[in-house]
PDB file of N, CA and C in Angstrom:
ATOM      1  N   MET A   1     -13.139   4.346   6.979  1.00  0.00           N
ATOM      2  CA  MET A   1     -11.914   4.289   7.726  1.00  0.00           C
ATOM      3  C   MET A   1     -12.152   5.028   9.039  1.00  0.00           C
ATOM      4  N   GLU A   2     -12.085   4.299  10.126  1.00  0.00           N
ATOM      5  CA  GLU A   2     -12.292   4.905  11.436  1.00  0.00           C
ATOM      6  C   GLU A   2     -10.975   5.408  12.011  1.00  0.00           C
ATOM      7  N   ARG A   3     -11.060   6.554  12.647  1.00  0.00           N
ATOM      8  CA  ARG A   3      -9.895   7.120  13.314  1.00  0.00           C
ATOM      9  C   ARG A   3     -10.008   6.858  14.813  1.00  0.00           C
ATOM     10  N   ASN A   4      -8.869   6.903  15.486  1.00  0.00           N
ATOM     11  CA  ASN A   4      -8.849   6.815  16.940  1.00  0.00           C
ATOM     12  C   ASN A   4      -7.933   7.913  17.451  1.00  0.00           C
ATOM     13  N   GLU A   5      -7.661   7.927  18.758  1.00  0.00           N
ATOM     14  CA  GLU A   5      -6.847   9.030  19.292  1.00  0.00           C
ATOM     15  C   GLU A   5      -5.429   9.030  18.744  1.00  0.00           C
ATOM     16  N   ILE A   6      -4.944   7.902  18.303  1.00  0.00           N
ATOM     17  CA  ILE A   6      -3.608   7.856  17.707  1.00  0.00           C
ATOM     18  C   ILE A   6      -3.644   8.389  16.274  1.00  0.00           C
ATOM     19  N   THR A   7      -4.680   8.051  15.534  1.00  0.00           N
ATOM     20  CA  THR A   7      -4.723   8.389  14.109  1.00  0.00           C
ATOM     21  C   THR A   7      -5.530   9.649  13.787  1.00  0.00           C
ATOM     22  N   GLU A   8      -5.972  10.371  14.802  1.00  0.00           N
ATOM     23  CA  GLU A   8      -6.830  11.531  14.542  1.00  0.00           C
ATOM     24  C   GLU A   8      -6.178  12.615  13.679  1.00  0.00           C
ATOM     25  N   ASP A   9      -4.866  12.745  13.730  1.00  0.00           N
ATOM     26  CA  ASP A   9      -4.156  13.752  12.931  1.00  0.00           C
ATOM     27  C   ASP A   9      -3.456  13.170  11.704  1.00  0.00           C
ATOM     28  N   TRP A  10      -3.666  11.898  11.439  1.00  0.00           N
ATOM     29  CA  TRP A  10      -3.000  11.255  10.312  1.00  0.00           C
ATOM     30  C   TRP A  10      -3.623  11.681   8.989  1.00  0.00           C
ATOM     31  N   LEU A  11      -2.841  11.581   7.943  1.00  0.00           N
ATOM     32  CA  LEU A  11      -3.313  11.885   6.591  1.00  0.00           C
ATOM     33  C   LEU A  11      -4.259  10.792   6.125  1.00  0.00           C
ATOM     34  N   TYR A  12      -5.287  11.186   5.388  1.00  0.00           N
ATOM     35  CA  TYR A  12      -6.176  10.217   4.751  1.00  0.00           C
ATOM     36  C   TYR A  12      -5.928  10.311   3.258  1.00  0.00           C
ATOM     37  N   LYS A  13      -5.542   9.199   2.672  1.00  0.00           N
ATOM     38  CA  LYS A  13      -5.306   9.165   1.227  1.00  0.00           C
ATOM     39  C   LYS A  13      -6.048   7.969   0.658  1.00  0.00           C
ATOM     40  N   GLU A  14      -6.385   8.078  -0.602  1.00  0.00           N
ATOM     41  CA  GLU A  14      -7.049   6.985  -1.285  1.00  0.00           C
ATOM     42  C   GLU A  14      -6.131   6.429  -2.361  1.00  0.00           C
ATOM     43  N   VAL A  15      -6.226   5.111  -2.550  1.00  0.00           N
ATOM     44  CA  VAL A  15      -5.451   4.438  -3.573  1.00  0.00           C
ATOM     45  C   VAL A  15      -6.414   3.565  -4.370  1.00  0.00           C
ATOM     46  N   GLN A  16      -6.276   3.616  -5.682  1.00  0.00           N
ATOM     47  CA  GLN A  16      -7.159   2.859  -6.562  1.00  0.00           C
ATOM     48  C   GLN A  16      -6.391   1.726  -7.226  1.00  0.00           C
ATOM     49  N   CYS A  17      -7.020   0.559  -7.244  1.00  0.00           N
ATOM     50  CA  CYS A  17      -6.419  -0.588  -7.922  1.00  0.00           C
ATOM     51  C   CYS A  17      -6.451  -0.336  -9.425  1.00  0.00           C
ATOM     52  N   ASN A  18      -5.324  -0.534 -10.082  1.00  0.00           N
ATOM     53  CA  ASN A  18      -5.237  -0.305 -11.522  1.00  0.00           C
ATOM     54  C   ASN A  18      -5.866  -1.431 -12.333  1.00  0.00           C
ATOM     55  N   SER A  19      -6.285  -2.498 -11.654  1.00  0.00           N
ATOM     56  CA  SER A  19      -6.897  -3.618 -12.351  1.00  0.00           C
ATOM     57  C   SER A  19      -8.420  -3.601 -12.226  1.00  0.00           C
ATOM     58  N   CYS A  20      -8.936  -3.572 -10.987  1.00  0.00           N
ATOM     59  CA  CYS A  20     -10.394  -3.624 -10.779  1.00  0.00           C
ATOM     60  C   CYS A  20     -10.993  -2.264 -10.428  1.00  0.00           C
ATOM     61  N   TYR A  21     -10.156  -1.268 -10.231  1.00  0.00           N
ATOM     62  CA  TYR A  21     -10.553   0.119  -9.949  1.00  0.00           C
ATOM     63  C   TYR A  21     -11.215   0.310  -8.580  1.00  0.00           C
ATOM     64  N   THR A  22     -11.057  -0.660  -7.681  1.00  0.00           N
ATOM     65  CA  THR A  22     -11.542  -0.513  -6.319  1.00  0.00           C
ATOM     66  C   THR A  22     -10.697   0.539  -5.610  1.00  0.00           C
ATOM     67  N   VAL A  23     -11.359   1.423  -4.867  1.00  0.00           N
ATOM     68  CA  VAL A  23     -10.661   2.477  -4.133  1.00  0.00           C
ATOM     69  C   VAL A  23     -10.618   2.103  -2.654  1.00  0.00           C
ATOM     70  N   SER A  24      -9.442   2.199  -2.061  1.00  0.00           N
ATOM     71  CA  SER A  24      -9.253   1.922  -0.640  1.00  0.00           C
ATOM     72  C   SER A  24      -8.746   3.174   0.047  1.00  0.00           C
ATOM     73  N   GLY A  25      -9.237   3.417   1.243  1.00  0.00           N
ATOM     74  CA  GLY A  25      -8.758   4.528   2.057  1.00  0.00           C
ATOM     75  C   GLY A  25      -7.629   4.064   2.952  1.00  0.00           C
ATOM     76  N   VAL A  26      -6.623   4.917   3.123  1.00  0.00           N
ATOM     77  CA  VAL A  26      -5.446   4.580   3.921  1.00  0.00           C
ATOM     78  C   VAL A  26      -5.132   5.746   4.848  1.00  0.00           C
ATOM     79  N   LEU A  27      -4.923   5.437   6.132  1.00  0.00           N
ATOM     80  CA  LEU A  27      -4.468   6.447   7.083  1.00  0.00           C
ATOM     81  C   LEU A  27      -2.954   6.341   7.204  1.00  0.00           C
ATOM     82  N   ILE A  28      -2.281   7.494   7.144  1.00  0.00           N
ATOM     83  CA  ILE A  28      -0.820   7.519   7.122  1.00  0.00           C
ATOM     84  C   ILE A  28      -0.304   8.518   8.145  1.00  0.00           C
ATOM     85  N   ASP A  29       0.634   8.071   8.943  1.00  0.00           N
ATOM     86  CA  ASP A  29       1.323   8.945   9.894  1.00  0.00           C
ATOM     87  C   ASP A  29       2.061  10.016   9.076  1.00  0.00           C
ATOM     88  N   PRO A  30       1.723  11.295   9.262  1.00  0.00           N
ATOM     89  CA  PRO A  30       2.342  12.340   8.434  1.00  0.00           C
ATOM     90  C   PRO A  30       3.856  12.456   8.633  1.00  0.00           C
ATOM     91  N   TYR A  31       4.338  12.174   9.823  1.00  0.00           N
ATOM     92  CA  TYR A  31       5.778  12.223  10.066  1.00  0.00           C
ATOM     93  C   TYR A  31       6.494  11.179   9.220  1.00  0.00           C
ATOM     94  N   ARG A  32       5.968   9.961   9.214  1.00  0.00           N
ATOM     95  CA  ARG A  32       6.583   8.895   8.421  1.00  0.00           C
ATOM     96  C   ARG A  32       6.421   9.153   6.924  1.00  0.00           C
ATOM     97  N   TRP A  33       5.277   9.706   6.532  1.00  0.00           N
ATOM     98  CA  TRP A  33       5.055  10.016   5.120  1.00  0.00           C
ATOM     99  C   TRP A  33       6.096  11.018   4.633  1.00  0.00           C
ATOM    100  N   ASP A  34       6.390  12.025   5.466  1.00  0.00           N
ATOM    101  CA  ASP A  34       7.410  13.019   5.103  1.00  0.00           C
ATOM    102  C   ASP A  34       8.784  12.364   4.930  1.00  0.00           C
ATOM    103  N   ILE A  35       9.109  11.415   5.800  1.00  0.00           N
ATOM    104  CA  ILE A  35      10.382  10.700   5.672  1.00  0.00           C
ATOM    105  C   ILE A  35      10.392   9.901   4.372  1.00  0.00           C
ATOM    106  N   TYR A  36       9.302   9.188   4.114  1.00  0.00           N
ATOM    107  CA  TYR A  36       9.228   8.323   2.930  1.00  0.00           C
ATOM    108  C   TYR A  36       9.281   9.110   1.626  1.00  0.00           C
ATOM    109  N   THR A  37       8.696  10.292   1.609  1.00  0.00           N
ATOM    110  CA  THR A  37       8.639  11.079   0.376  1.00  0.00           C
ATOM    111  C   THR A  37       9.714  12.156   0.297  1.00  0.00           C
ATOM    112  N   SER A  38      10.605  12.199   1.283  1.00  0.00           N
ATOM    113  CA  SER A  38      11.681  13.183   1.301  1.00  0.00           C
ATOM    114  C   SER A  38      12.610  13.003   0.109  1.00  0.00           C
ATOM    115  N   LYS A  39      13.019  14.111  -0.445  1.00  0.00           N
ATOM    116  CA  LYS A  39      13.982  14.053  -1.549  1.00  0.00           C
ATOM    117  C   LYS A  39      15.415  14.139  -1.028  1.00  0.00           C
ATOM    118  N   GLU A  40      15.558  14.360   0.276  1.00  0.00           N
ATOM    119  CA  GLU A  40      16.887  14.493   0.858  1.00  0.00           C
ATOM    120  C   GLU A  40      17.601  13.154   0.991  1.00  0.00           C
ATOM    121  N   TRP A  41      16.840  12.085   1.191  1.00  0.00           N
ATOM    122  CA  TRP A  41      17.433  10.755   1.285  1.00  0.00           C
ATOM    123  C   TRP A  41      16.409   9.723   0.859  1.00  0.00           C
ATOM    124  N   VAL A  42      16.894   8.601   0.407  1.00  0.00           N
ATOM    125  CA  VAL A  42      16.019   7.539  -0.091  1.00  0.00           C
ATOM    126  C   VAL A  42      15.594   6.657   1.072  1.00  0.00           C
ATOM    127  N   ALA A  43      14.285   6.551   1.256  1.00  0.00           N
ATOM    128  CA  ALA A  43      13.742   5.705   2.311  1.00  0.00           C
ATOM    129  C   ALA A  43      12.897   4.605   1.678  1.00  0.00           C
ATOM    130  N   LEU A  44      13.172   3.382   2.052  1.00  0.00           N
ATOM    131  CA  LEU A  44      12.377   2.264   1.589  1.00  0.00           C
ATOM    132  C   LEU A  44      11.158   2.101   2.484  1.00  0.00           C
ATOM    133  N   VAL A  45      10.065   1.694   1.900  1.00  0.00           N
ATOM    134  CA  VAL A  45       8.820   1.569   2.661  1.00  0.00           C
ATOM    135  C   VAL A  45       8.998   0.635   3.861  1.00  0.00           C
ATOM    136  N   GLN A  46       9.764  -0.442   3.711  1.00  0.00           N
ATOM    137  CA  GLN A  46       9.953  -1.380   4.816  1.00  0.00           C
ATOM    138  C   GLN A  46      10.825  -0.803   5.924  1.00  0.00           C
ATOM    139  N   ASP A  47      11.622   0.204   5.603  1.00  0.00           N
ATOM    140  CA  ASP A  47      12.421   0.870   6.629  1.00  0.00           C
ATOM    141  C   ASP A  47      11.594   1.877   7.422  1.00  0.00           C
ATOM    142  N   VAL A  48      10.636   2.513   6.761  1.00  0.00           N
ATOM    143  CA  VAL A  48       9.806   3.520   7.409  1.00  0.00           C
ATOM    144  C   VAL A  48       8.662   2.873   8.197  1.00  0.00           C
ATOM    145  N   TRP A  49       8.115   1.778   7.675  1.00  0.00           N
ATOM    146  CA  TRP A  49       7.017   1.059   8.326  1.00  0.00           C
ATOM    147  C   TRP A  49       7.401  -0.402   8.537  1.00  0.00           C
ATOM    148  N   PRO A  50       8.394  -0.702   9.402  1.00  0.00           N
ATOM    149  CA  PRO A  50       8.831  -2.090   9.563  1.00  0.00           C
ATOM    150  C   PRO A  50       7.760  -3.002  10.156  1.00  0.00           C
ATOM    151  N   GLU A  51       6.838  -2.450  10.919  1.00  0.00           N
ATOM    152  CA  GLU A  51       5.815  -3.256  11.577  1.00  0.00           C
ATOM    153  C   GLU A  51       4.552  -3.432  10.730  1.00  0.00           C
ATOM    154  N   ALA A  52       4.469  -2.759   9.608  1.00  0.00           N
ATOM    155  CA  ALA A  52       3.255  -2.762   8.781  1.00  0.00           C
ATOM    156  C   ALA A  52       3.103  -4.065   7.998  1.00  0.00           C
ATOM    157  N   THR A  53       1.860  -4.363   7.674  1.00  0.00           N
ATOM    158  CA  THR A  53       1.581  -5.542   6.854  1.00  0.00           C
ATOM    159  C   THR A  53       2.050  -5.290   5.423  1.00  0.00           C
ATOM    160  N   LEU A  54       2.224  -6.370   4.682  1.00  0.00           N
ATOM    161  CA  LEU A  54       2.619  -6.227   3.277  1.00  0.00           C
ATOM    162  C   LEU A  54       1.550  -5.479   2.491  1.00  0.00           C
ATOM    163  N   ALA A  55       0.287  -5.732   2.798  1.00  0.00           N
ATOM    164  CA  ALA A  55      -0.806  -5.053   2.085  1.00  0.00           C
ATOM    165  C   ALA A  55      -0.748  -3.544   2.315  1.00  0.00           C
ATOM    166  N   TYR A  56      -0.505  -3.132   3.563  1.00  0.00           N
ATOM    167  CA  TYR A  56      -0.411  -1.706   3.875  1.00  0.00           C
ATOM    168  C   TYR A  56       0.768  -1.075   3.134  1.00  0.00           C
ATOM    169  N   ARG A  57       1.904  -1.756   3.146  1.00  0.00           N
ATOM    170  CA  ARG A  57       3.077  -1.228   2.445  1.00  0.00           C
ATOM    171  C   ARG A  57       2.816  -1.085   0.954  1.00  0.00           C
ATOM    172  N   GLU A  58       2.120  -2.045   0.373  1.00  0.00           N
ATOM    173  CA  GLU A  58       1.780  -1.959  -1.052  1.00  0.00           C
ATOM    174  C   GLU A  58       0.864  -0.769  -1.322  1.00  0.00           C
ATOM    175  N   GLN A  59      -0.042  -0.491  -0.402  1.00  0.00           N
ATOM    176  CA  GLN A  59      -0.906   0.684  -0.560  1.00  0.00           C
ATOM    177  C   GLN A  59      -0.080   1.966  -0.507  1.00  0.00           C
ATOM    178  N   ILE A  60       0.851   2.040   0.430  1.00  0.00           N
ATOM    179  CA  ILE A  60       1.714   3.219   0.548  1.00  0.00           C
ATOM    180  C   ILE A  60       2.517   3.412  -0.738  1.00  0.00           C
ATOM    181  N   ILE A  61       3.104   2.332  -1.232  1.00  0.00           N
ATOM    182  CA  ILE A  61       3.869   2.410  -2.480  1.00  0.00           C
ATOM    183  C   ILE A  61       2.962   2.876  -3.614  1.00  0.00           C
ATOM    184  N   GLY A  62       1.736   2.347  -3.653  1.00  0.00           N
ATOM    185  CA  GLY A  62       0.783   2.723  -4.693  1.00  0.00           C
ATOM    186  C   GLY A  62       0.392   4.187  -4.638  1.00  0.00           C
ATOM    187  N   ILE A  63       0.244   4.715  -3.445  1.00  0.00           N
ATOM    188  CA  ILE A  63      -0.088   6.139  -3.307  1.00  0.00           C
ATOM    189  C   ILE A  63       1.046   6.983  -3.871  1.00  0.00           C
ATOM    190  N   ARG A  64       2.262   6.601  -3.556  1.00  0.00           N
ATOM    191  CA  ARG A  64       3.417   7.382  -4.014  1.00  0.00           C
ATOM    192  C   ARG A  64       3.652   7.227  -5.512  1.00  0.00           C
ATOM    193  N   SER A  65       3.526   6.013  -6.020  1.00  0.00           N
ATOM    194  CA  SER A  65       3.877   5.755  -7.419  1.00  0.00           C
ATOM    195  C   SER A  65       2.719   5.954  -8.394  1.00  0.00           C
ATOM    196  N   GLY A  66       1.489   5.877  -7.883  1.00  0.00           N
ATOM    197  CA  GLY A  66       0.336   5.965  -8.770  1.00  0.00           C
ATOM    198  C   GLY A  66      -0.046   4.634  -9.384  1.00  0.00           C
ATOM    199  N   HIS A  67       0.632   3.559  -8.987  1.00  0.00           N
ATOM    200  CA  HIS A  67       0.317   2.230  -9.509  1.00  0.00           C
ATOM    201  C   HIS A  67       0.107   1.276  -8.341  1.00  0.00           C
ATOM    202  N   HIS A  68      -1.078   0.663  -8.300  1.00  0.00           N
ATOM    203  CA  HIS A  68      -1.415  -0.231  -7.190  1.00  0.00           C
ATOM    204  C   HIS A  68      -2.285  -1.371  -7.700  1.00  0.00           C
ATOM    205  N   ILE A  69      -2.006  -2.570  -7.246  1.00  0.00           N
ATOM    206  CA  ILE A  69      -2.846  -3.741  -7.511  1.00  0.00           C
ATOM    207  C   ILE A  69      -3.294  -4.262  -6.143  1.00  0.00           C
ATOM    208  N   CYS A  70      -4.602  -4.365  -5.938  1.00  0.00           N
ATOM    209  CA  CYS A  70      -5.142  -4.797  -4.643  1.00  0.00           C
ATOM    210  C   CYS A  70      -4.873  -6.290  -4.413  1.00  0.00           C
ATOM    211  N   ASP A  71      -5.077  -6.737  -3.173  1.00  0.00           N
ATOM    212  CA  ASP A  71      -4.826  -8.133  -2.821  1.00  0.00           C
ATOM    213  C   ASP A  71      -5.669  -9.098  -3.648  1.00  0.00           C
ATOM    214  N   SER A  72      -6.918  -8.752  -3.892  1.00  0.00           N
ATOM    215  CA  SER A  72      -7.797  -9.638  -4.672  1.00  0.00           C
ATOM    216  C   SER A  72      -7.265  -9.839  -6.083  1.00  0.00           C
ATOM    217  N   CYS A  73      -6.844  -8.767  -6.692  1.00  0.00           N
ATOM    218  CA  CYS A  73      -6.313  -8.877  -8.061  1.00  0.00           C
ATOM    219  C   CYS A  73      -4.980  -9.600  -8.085  1.00  0.00           C
ATOM    220  N   TRP A  74      -4.125  -9.376  -7.076  1.00  0.00           N
ATOM    221  CA  TRP A  74      -2.853 -10.096  -7.001  1.00  0.00           C
ATOM    222  C   TRP A  74      -3.113 -11.586  -6.899  1.00  0.00           C
ATOM    223  N   SER A  75      -4.109 -11.962  -6.091  1.00  0.00           N
ATOM    224  CA  SER A  75      -4.430 -13.385  -5.919  1.00  0.00           C
ATOM    225  C   SER A  75      -4.855 -14.015  -7.235  1.00  0.00           C
ATOM    226  N   SER A  76      -5.689 -13.309  -7.993  1.00  0.00           N
ATOM    227  CA  SER A  76      -6.156 -13.873  -9.259  1.00  0.00           C
ATOM    228  C   SER A  76      -5.044 -13.916 -10.298  1.00  0.00           C
ATOM    229  N   VAL A  77      -4.142 -12.946 -10.281  1.00  0.00           N
ATOM    230  CA  VAL A  77      -3.009 -12.957 -11.201  1.00  0.00           C
ATOM    231  C   VAL A  77      -2.082 -14.121 -10.860  1.00  0.00           C
ATOM    232  N   GLY A  78      -1.841 -14.345  -9.574  1.00  0.00           N
ATOM    233  CA  GLY A  78      -0.974 -15.428  -9.145  1.00  0.00           C
ATOM    234  C   GLY A  78      -1.471 -16.788  -9.588  1.00  0.00           C
ATOM    235  N   GLU A  79      -2.780 -16.977  -9.642  1.00  0.00           N
ATOM    236  CA  GLU A  79      -3.347 -18.253 -10.082  1.00  0.00           C
ATOM    237  C   GLU A  79      -2.978 -18.552 -11.524  1.00  0.00           C
ATOM    238  N   ASP A  80      -2.800 -17.530 -12.335  1.00  0.00           N
ATOM    239  CA  ASP A  80      -2.434 -17.730 -13.733  1.00  0.00           C
ATOM    240  C   ASP A  80      -1.024 -18.309 -13.887  1.00  0.00           C
ATOM    241  N   PHE A  81      -0.196 -18.148 -12.871  1.00  0.00           N
ATOM    242  CA  PHE A  81       1.194 -18.587 -12.967  1.00  0.00           C
ATOM    243  C   PHE A  81       1.473 -19.904 -12.252  1.00  0.00           C
ATOM    244  N   ILE A  82       0.450 -20.451 -11.588  1.00  0.00           N
ATOM    245  CA  ILE A  82       0.629 -21.729 -10.903  1.00  0.00           C
ATOM    246  C   ILE A  82       0.524 -22.843 -11.936  1.00  0.00           C
ATOM    247  N   GLU A  83       1.564 -23.650 -12.001  1.00  0.00           N
ATOM    248  CA  GLU A  83       1.577 -24.738 -12.976  1.00  0.00           C
ATOM    249  C   GLU A  83       0.802 -25.942 -12.435  1.00  0.00           C
ATOM    250  N   ASP A  84       0.062 -26.561 -13.290  1.00  0.00           N
ATOM    251  CA  ASP A  84      -0.693 -27.749 -12.929  1.00  0.00           C
ATOM    252  C   ASP A  84       0.218 -28.958 -13.110  1.00  0.00           C
ATOM    253  N   ASP A  85       0.396 -29.756 -12.066  1.00  0.00           N
ATOM    254  CA  ASP A  85       1.272 -30.931 -12.121  1.00  0.00           C
ATOM    255  C   ASP A  85       0.746 -32.020 -13.053  1.00  0.00           C
ATOM    256  N   ASP A  86      -0.568 -31.990 -13.342  1.00  0.00           N
ATOM    257  CA  ASP A  86      -1.162 -33.017 -14.184  1.00  0.00           C
ATOM    258  C   ASP A  86      -0.868 -32.814 -15.670  1.00  0.00           C
ATOM    259  N   GLU A  87      -0.417 -31.673 -16.032  1.00  0.00           N
ATOM    260  CA  GLU A  87      -0.194 -31.399 -17.470  1.00  0.00           C
ATOM    261  C   GLU A  87       1.182 -31.792 -17.905  1.00  0.00           C
TER     262      GLU A  87
END
């Protein structure tokens, strides 16, 4: 995970996929992280990071909750639920 002048002071956290155990590094703005994890008010990840990708938001949720499924595993799980029209 490369840092730049914007992210040089950001938190570095790791999140592990609960399915394949792949570990991903995530850089997080500490100001936004404090808002998201505040006990004073409930903040939804999409409210704190409205511009973030869905994958990034899922990583943030996974860091906070301790449960994360990476994009690769989500894709393979989704294939199990696609119905075949030929059957």
